[in-house]
Amino acid sequence: MMFKKILFATTASPACNAAAKIAFELAEKYKPELWILHVLAEPSRSSAFSTPRGGDASRKKIRPEQVQDVTNDIYAVYEDLIKKHGVPKIEAAIGRPAAEILKSARDRGADLIVMRSEERRVGKECRSRGS
């Protein structure tokens, strides 16, 4: 078995569809645990969810209804992939996406992180990051 645990980080938007297909196909091929993570935006400092100055985003508590909303969104967006490849484990977090993705990968012991690539325009050039 090449991968035992795969973490697919998504915004549950069409921009992540290609990465979703790869994550589900790898999960079908290697039969690992497939975790899907959606990171909600970190609340502003004026929000009731803010942590004390210097606080850690991982201390922010996600409300059960937020987790349910994320779960519903993921099932709606990836319904065909879930029907074809099986039901993944779904996780939601609040914070900075990069930090929360890495934290989740460490916590789950993920062998692979799958996520969409990002393109940024720099003048007339377009540069891709990720895979």
N, C-alpha and C. Protein backbone atom coordinates (compact mmCIF):
# COMPACT_ATOMS: atom_id res chain seq x y z
N MET A 1 0.85 -1.18 0.00
CA MET A 1 0.00 0.00 0.00
C MET A 1 0.89 1.24 0.00
N MET A 2 0.70 2.10 -0.99
CA MET A 2 1.53 3.28 -1.11
C MET A 2 1.14 4.37 -0.11
N PHE A 3 -0.16 4.64 0.02
CA PHE A 3 -0.64 5.67 0.93
C PHE A 3 -1.61 5.04 1.92
N LYS A 4 -1.43 5.37 3.20
CA LYS A 4 -2.36 4.88 4.23
C LYS A 4 -3.39 5.93 4.58
N LYS A 5 -2.98 7.22 4.49
CA LYS A 5 -3.90 8.31 4.82
C LYS A 5 -3.65 9.46 3.85
N ILE A 6 -4.74 9.92 3.23
CA ILE A 6 -4.67 11.05 2.31
C ILE A 6 -5.53 12.17 2.87
N LEU A 7 -4.99 13.37 2.86
CA LEU A 7 -5.74 14.57 3.26
C LEU A 7 -5.99 15.40 2.00
N PHE A 8 -7.26 15.63 1.71
CA PHE A 8 -7.65 16.49 0.59
C PHE A 8 -8.15 17.79 1.19
N ALA A 9 -7.41 18.87 0.96
CA ALA A 9 -7.79 20.20 1.45
C ALA A 9 -8.56 20.90 0.34
N THR A 10 -9.75 21.39 0.67
CA THR A 10 -10.64 21.96 -0.34
C THR A 10 -11.40 23.17 0.17
N THR A 11 -11.83 23.98 -0.79
CA THR A 11 -12.77 25.06 -0.48
C THR A 11 -14.18 24.66 -0.89
N ALA A 12 -14.32 23.42 -1.36
CA ALA A 12 -15.61 22.90 -1.86
C ALA A 12 -16.17 23.80 -2.95
N SER A 13 -15.27 24.24 -3.82
CA SER A 13 -15.65 25.09 -4.94
C SER A 13 -15.17 24.44 -6.24
N PRO A 14 -15.70 24.90 -7.37
CA PRO A 14 -15.26 24.33 -8.65
C PRO A 14 -13.75 24.42 -8.89
N ALA A 15 -13.08 25.37 -8.27
CA ALA A 15 -11.63 25.51 -8.43
C ALA A 15 -10.88 24.28 -7.92
N CYS A 16 -11.52 23.51 -7.06
CA CYS A 16 -10.88 22.33 -6.47
C CYS A 16 -11.30 21.02 -7.13
N ASN A 17 -12.09 21.08 -8.19
CA ASN A 17 -12.62 19.86 -8.80
C ASN A 17 -11.54 18.91 -9.31
N ALA A 18 -10.51 19.43 -9.96
CA ALA A 18 -9.45 18.56 -10.49
C ALA A 18 -8.71 17.87 -9.34
N ALA A 19 -8.42 18.61 -8.29
CA ALA A 19 -7.74 18.02 -7.13
C ALA A 19 -8.64 16.99 -6.46
N ALA A 20 -9.94 17.25 -6.40
CA ALA A 20 -10.88 16.30 -5.80
C ALA A 20 -10.86 14.99 -6.56
N LYS A 21 -10.89 15.08 -7.88
CA LYS A 21 -10.87 13.87 -8.70
C LYS A 21 -9.60 13.05 -8.43
N ILE A 22 -8.48 13.72 -8.33
CA ILE A 22 -7.21 13.03 -8.04
C ILE A 22 -7.27 12.38 -6.66
N ALA A 23 -7.73 13.12 -5.66
CA ALA A 23 -7.79 12.58 -4.29
C ALA A 23 -8.66 11.33 -4.22
N PHE A 24 -9.84 11.39 -4.83
CA PHE A 24 -10.75 10.25 -4.79
C PHE A 24 -10.21 9.07 -5.60
N GLU A 25 -9.58 9.34 -6.74
CA GLU A 25 -9.01 8.25 -7.54
C GLU A 25 -7.86 7.57 -6.81
N LEU A 26 -7.01 8.36 -6.15
CA LEU A 26 -5.93 7.77 -5.36
C LEU A 26 -6.49 6.94 -4.21
N ALA A 27 -7.56 7.44 -3.60
CA ALA A 27 -8.18 6.70 -2.51
C ALA A 27 -8.76 5.38 -3.00
N GLU A 28 -9.32 5.39 -4.19
CA GLU A 28 -9.86 4.15 -4.75
C GLU A 28 -8.72 3.17 -5.07
N LYS A 29 -7.64 3.69 -5.62
CA LYS A 29 -6.53 2.83 -6.03
C LYS A 29 -5.78 2.23 -4.85
N TYR A 30 -5.48 3.05 -3.84
CA TYR A 30 -4.62 2.60 -2.74
C TYR A 30 -5.39 2.22 -1.47
N LYS A 31 -6.68 2.50 -1.43
CA LYS A 31 -7.55 2.17 -0.29
C LYS A 31 -7.09 2.76 1.04
N PRO A 32 -6.63 4.00 1.05
CA PRO A 32 -6.25 4.63 2.32
C PRO A 32 -7.48 5.24 2.99
N GLU A 33 -7.28 5.76 4.20
CA GLU A 33 -8.31 6.64 4.78
C GLU A 33 -8.25 7.93 3.98
N LEU A 34 -9.39 8.45 3.58
CA LEU A 34 -9.44 9.73 2.89
C LEU A 34 -10.12 10.74 3.80
N TRP A 35 -9.38 11.79 4.13
CA TRP A 35 -9.90 12.88 4.94
C TRP A 35 -10.08 14.08 4.03
N ILE A 36 -11.20 14.76 4.16
CA ILE A 36 -11.42 16.02 3.45
C ILE A 36 -11.46 17.13 4.49
N LEU A 37 -10.65 18.15 4.27
CA LEU A 37 -10.57 19.28 5.19
C LEU A 37 -11.00 20.55 4.48
N HIS A 38 -11.88 21.29 5.13
CA HIS A 38 -12.25 22.63 4.67
C HIS A 38 -11.94 23.60 5.80
N VAL A 39 -11.14 24.61 5.50
CA VAL A 39 -10.76 25.60 6.51
C VAL A 39 -11.61 26.84 6.30
N LEU A 40 -12.35 27.21 7.33
CA LEU A 40 -13.15 28.42 7.30
C LEU A 40 -12.26 29.61 7.62
N ALA A 41 -12.60 30.75 7.07
CA ALA A 41 -11.80 31.96 7.27
C ALA A 41 -11.69 32.29 8.75
N GLU A 42 -10.53 32.75 9.11
CA GLU A 42 -10.30 33.15 10.50
C GLU A 42 -11.08 34.43 10.76
N PRO A 43 -11.85 34.47 11.83
CA PRO A 43 -12.63 35.66 12.15
C PRO A 43 -11.74 36.86 12.39
N SER A 44 -12.30 38.04 12.17
CA SER A 44 -11.53 39.27 12.40
C SER A 44 -11.29 39.46 13.89
N ARG A 45 -10.36 40.32 14.22
CA ARG A 45 -10.04 40.58 15.62
C ARG A 45 -11.23 41.11 16.41
N SER A 46 -12.15 41.76 15.73
CA SER A 46 -13.31 42.31 16.43
C SER A 46 -14.40 41.28 16.65
N SER A 47 -14.21 40.09 16.11
CA SER A 47 -15.23 39.05 16.21
C SER A 47 -15.26 38.43 17.60
N ALA A 48 -16.38 37.87 17.93
CA ALA A 48 -16.53 37.19 19.22
C ALA A 48 -15.68 35.92 19.29
N PHE A 49 -15.23 35.44 18.11
CA PHE A 49 -14.42 34.21 18.08
C PHE A 49 -12.93 34.48 18.24
N SER A 50 -12.53 35.73 18.30
CA SER A 50 -11.11 36.06 18.33
C SER A 50 -10.42 35.48 19.55
N THR A 51 -9.16 35.12 19.36
CA THR A 51 -8.35 34.66 20.47
C THR A 51 -7.61 35.85 21.04
N PRO A 52 -7.13 35.75 22.27
CA PRO A 52 -6.37 36.86 22.83
C PRO A 52 -5.15 37.16 21.98
N ARG A 53 -4.64 38.37 22.09
CA ARG A 53 -3.47 38.78 21.31
C ARG A 53 -2.38 37.71 21.42
N GLY A 54 -1.84 37.34 20.27
CA GLY A 54 -0.82 36.30 20.26
C GLY A 54 -1.43 34.91 20.35
N GLY A 55 -2.77 34.82 20.32
CA GLY A 55 -3.44 33.53 20.44
C GLY A 55 -3.22 32.65 19.23
N ASP A 56 -3.49 31.39 19.37
CA ASP A 56 -3.31 30.40 18.34
C ASP A 56 -4.66 30.10 17.69
N ALA A 57 -4.69 30.14 16.36
CA ALA A 57 -5.95 29.90 15.64
C ALA A 57 -6.51 28.52 15.95
N SER A 58 -5.64 27.57 16.26
CA SER A 58 -6.12 26.21 16.53
C SER A 58 -6.94 26.15 17.81
N ARG A 59 -6.89 27.19 18.63
CA ARG A 59 -7.70 27.23 19.86
C ARG A 59 -9.12 27.67 19.59
N LYS A 60 -9.38 28.21 18.42
CA LYS A 60 -10.72 28.66 18.09
C LYS A 60 -11.61 27.43 17.95
N LYS A 61 -12.76 27.52 18.51
CA LYS A 61 -13.71 26.40 18.47
C LYS A 61 -14.64 26.58 17.29
N ILE A 62 -14.80 25.52 16.57
CA ILE A 62 -15.75 25.53 15.46
C ILE A 62 -17.08 25.03 15.99
N ARG A 63 -18.13 25.72 15.64
CA ARG A 63 -19.46 25.36 16.13
C ARG A 63 -20.00 24.14 15.36
N PRO A 64 -20.79 23.31 16.02
CA PRO A 64 -21.35 22.12 15.35
C PRO A 64 -22.11 22.46 14.07
N GLU A 65 -22.83 23.57 14.06
CA GLU A 65 -23.58 23.93 12.85
C GLU A 65 -22.64 24.31 11.70
N GLN A 66 -21.45 24.83 12.04
CA GLN A 66 -20.46 25.12 10.99
C GLN A 66 -19.93 23.83 10.39
N VAL A 67 -19.67 22.85 11.24
CA VAL A 67 -19.20 21.55 10.75
C VAL A 67 -20.27 20.92 9.87
N GLN A 68 -21.52 21.00 10.28
CA GLN A 68 -22.61 20.45 9.48
C GLN A 68 -22.74 21.16 8.14
N ASP A 69 -22.60 22.49 8.14
CA ASP A 69 -22.65 23.25 6.89
C ASP A 69 -21.54 22.81 5.93
N VAL A 70 -20.32 22.65 6.46
CA VAL A 70 -19.19 22.20 5.64
C VAL A 70 -19.47 20.80 5.10
N THR A 71 -19.94 19.91 5.95
CA THR A 71 -20.25 18.54 5.54
C THR A 71 -21.29 18.55 4.42
N ASN A 72 -22.35 19.33 4.58
CA ASN A 72 -23.39 19.43 3.56
C ASN A 72 -22.82 19.95 2.24
N ASP A 73 -21.97 20.99 2.33
CA ASP A 73 -21.36 21.56 1.12
C ASP A 73 -20.50 20.52 0.41
N ILE A 74 -19.70 19.80 1.16
CA ILE A 74 -18.81 18.79 0.56
C ILE A 74 -19.62 17.69 -0.10
N TYR A 75 -20.66 17.21 0.57
CA TYR A 75 -21.52 16.18 -0.03
C TYR A 75 -22.20 16.70 -1.30
N ALA A 76 -22.61 17.95 -1.30
CA ALA A 76 -23.28 18.52 -2.47
C ALA A 76 -22.31 18.69 -3.64
N VAL A 77 -21.13 19.22 -3.37
CA VAL A 77 -20.17 19.50 -4.43
C VAL A 77 -19.54 18.23 -4.99
N TYR A 78 -19.25 17.26 -4.11
CA TYR A 78 -18.55 16.05 -4.53
C TYR A 78 -19.45 14.82 -4.54
N GLU A 79 -20.74 15.03 -4.70
CA GLU A 79 -21.72 13.94 -4.64
C GLU A 79 -21.37 12.80 -5.59
N ASP A 80 -21.05 13.11 -6.84
CA ASP A 80 -20.75 12.06 -7.81
C ASP A 80 -19.50 11.28 -7.43
N LEU A 81 -18.47 11.98 -6.97
CA LEU A 81 -17.23 11.31 -6.56
C LEU A 81 -17.46 10.42 -5.34
N ILE A 82 -18.26 10.90 -4.41
CA ILE A 82 -18.56 10.12 -3.20
C ILE A 82 -19.34 8.86 -3.57
N LYS A 83 -20.32 9.00 -4.47
CA LYS A 83 -21.10 7.83 -4.91
C LYS A 83 -20.20 6.80 -5.59
N LYS A 84 -19.26 7.29 -6.39
CA LYS A 84 -18.39 6.39 -7.15
C LYS A 84 -17.28 5.78 -6.30
N HIS A 85 -16.69 6.57 -5.41
CA HIS A 85 -15.47 6.15 -4.70
C HIS A 85 -15.65 5.86 -3.22
N GLY A 86 -16.77 6.24 -2.63
CA GLY A 86 -16.98 5.98 -1.21
C GLY A 86 -16.96 7.25 -0.37
N VAL A 87 -17.44 7.09 0.84
CA VAL A 87 -17.62 8.22 1.76
C VAL A 87 -16.32 8.51 2.51
N PRO A 88 -15.81 9.74 2.41
CA PRO A 88 -14.59 10.11 3.13
C PRO A 88 -14.93 10.59 4.54
N LYS A 89 -13.90 10.82 5.32
CA LYS A 89 -14.06 11.46 6.62
C LYS A 89 -13.93 12.96 6.37
N ILE A 90 -14.77 13.74 7.01
CA ILE A 90 -14.80 15.18 6.76
C ILE A 90 -14.44 15.93 8.02
N GLU A 91 -13.62 16.96 7.85
CA GLU A 91 -13.15 17.77 8.96
C GLU A 91 -13.26 19.24 8.57
N ALA A 92 -13.57 20.08 9.53
CA ALA A 92 -13.59 21.52 9.31
C ALA A 92 -12.76 22.19 10.40
N ALA A 93 -12.15 23.31 10.04
CA ALA A 93 -11.33 24.05 10.99
C ALA A 93 -11.51 25.53 10.72
N ILE A 94 -11.11 26.33 11.69
CA ILE A 94 -11.10 27.79 11.55
C ILE A 94 -9.66 28.24 11.70
N GLY A 95 -9.22 29.10 10.79
CA GLY A 95 -7.87 29.63 10.91
C GLY A 95 -7.24 29.95 9.58
N ARG A 96 -5.93 30.05 9.59
CA ARG A 96 -5.16 30.28 8.37
C ARG A 96 -5.05 28.95 7.63
N PRO A 97 -5.49 28.88 6.39
CA PRO A 97 -5.52 27.60 5.69
C PRO A 97 -4.19 26.83 5.72
N ALA A 98 -3.09 27.47 5.42
CA ALA A 98 -1.81 26.74 5.38
C ALA A 98 -1.50 26.09 6.73
N ALA A 99 -1.67 26.83 7.79
CA ALA A 99 -1.37 26.31 9.13
C ALA A 99 -2.33 25.18 9.50
N GLU A 100 -3.61 25.35 9.20
CA GLU A 100 -4.60 24.34 9.56
C GLU A 100 -4.44 23.06 8.73
N ILE A 101 -4.06 23.21 7.45
CA ILE A 101 -3.83 22.03 6.61
C ILE A 101 -2.66 21.23 7.15
N LEU A 102 -1.57 21.91 7.48
CA LEU A 102 -0.40 21.21 8.03
C LEU A 102 -0.71 20.57 9.38
N LYS A 103 -1.45 21.29 10.22
CA LYS A 103 -1.83 20.74 11.53
C LYS A 103 -2.67 19.48 11.36
N SER A 104 -3.63 19.53 10.46
CA SER A 104 -4.49 18.37 10.23
C SER A 104 -3.69 17.20 9.68
N ALA A 105 -2.79 17.47 8.75
CA ALA A 105 -1.95 16.40 8.18
C ALA A 105 -1.11 15.74 9.27
N ARG A 106 -0.54 16.55 10.15
CA ARG A 106 0.25 15.99 11.26
C ARG A 106 -0.64 15.18 12.19
N ASP A 107 -1.78 15.75 12.59
CA ASP A 107 -2.69 15.09 13.52
C ASP A 107 -3.20 13.75 12.97
N ARG A 108 -3.44 13.69 11.67
CA ARG A 108 -3.99 12.48 11.04
C ARG A 108 -2.90 11.51 10.60
N GLY A 109 -1.64 11.96 10.59
CA GLY A 109 -0.55 11.12 10.09
C GLY A 109 -0.67 10.92 8.58
N ALA A 110 -1.09 11.97 7.87
CA ALA A 110 -1.30 11.87 6.43
C ALA A 110 0.01 11.61 5.69
N ASP A 111 -0.05 10.70 4.73
CA ASP A 111 1.08 10.41 3.86
C ASP A 111 1.12 11.35 2.67
N LEU A 112 -0.03 11.95 2.35
CA LEU A 112 -0.15 12.78 1.17
C LEU A 112 -1.19 13.86 1.41
N ILE A 113 -0.88 15.07 0.96
CA ILE A 113 -1.85 16.17 0.96
C ILE A 113 -2.17 16.47 -0.50
N VAL A 114 -3.45 16.49 -0.83
CA VAL A 114 -3.89 16.85 -2.18
C VAL A 114 -4.65 18.16 -2.06
N MET A 115 -4.29 19.12 -2.91
CA MET A 115 -4.97 20.41 -2.92
C MET A 115 -4.80 21.04 -4.30
N ARG A 116 -5.61 22.01 -4.57
CA ARG A 116 -5.55 22.64 -5.90
C ARG A 116 -4.28 23.48 -6.03
N SER A 117 -3.89 23.69 -7.26
CA SER A 117 -2.77 24.60 -7.51
C SER A 117 -3.32 26.02 -7.53
N GLU A 118 -2.43 26.94 -7.40
CA GLU A 118 -2.83 28.35 -7.37
C GLU A 118 -2.03 29.07 -8.43
N GLU A 119 -2.71 29.89 -9.20
CA GLU A 119 -2.03 30.70 -10.19
C GLU A 119 -2.12 32.15 -9.78
N ARG A 120 -1.01 32.83 -9.94
CA ARG A 120 -1.00 34.26 -9.64
C ARG A 120 -0.45 35.00 -10.84
N ARG A 121 -1.09 36.06 -11.20
CA ARG A 121 -0.61 36.88 -12.32
C ARG A 121 0.42 37.86 -11.79
N VAL A 122 1.56 37.86 -12.46
CA VAL A 122 2.63 38.80 -12.15
C VAL A 122 2.92 39.52 -13.46
N GLY A 123 2.39 40.72 -13.59
CA GLY A 123 2.50 41.41 -14.87
C GLY A 123 1.74 40.61 -15.91
N LYS A 124 2.41 40.24 -17.01
CA LYS A 124 1.78 39.46 -18.06
C LYS A 124 2.01 37.97 -17.87
N GLU A 125 2.81 37.60 -16.89
CA GLU A 125 3.11 36.19 -16.65
C GLU A 125 2.10 35.58 -15.69
N CYS A 126 1.92 34.32 -15.83
CA CYS A 126 1.09 33.56 -14.89
C CYS A 126 1.96 32.49 -14.29
N ARG A 127 2.06 32.47 -12.99
CA ARG A 127 2.91 31.49 -12.32
C ARG A 127 2.04 30.54 -11.52
N SER A 128 2.31 29.25 -11.63
CA SER A 128 1.57 28.24 -10.88
C SER A 128 2.34 27.82 -9.66
N ARG A 129 1.61 27.56 -8.60
CA ARG A 129 2.18 27.02 -7.37
C ARG A 129 1.37 25.80 -7.00
N GLY A 130 2.03 24.82 -6.48
CA GLY A 130 1.31 23.61 -6.08
C GLY A 130 1.30 22.61 -7.20
N SER A 131 0.46 21.58 -7.05
CA SER A 131 0.39 20.57 -8.10
C SER A 131 -1.01 20.06 -8.26
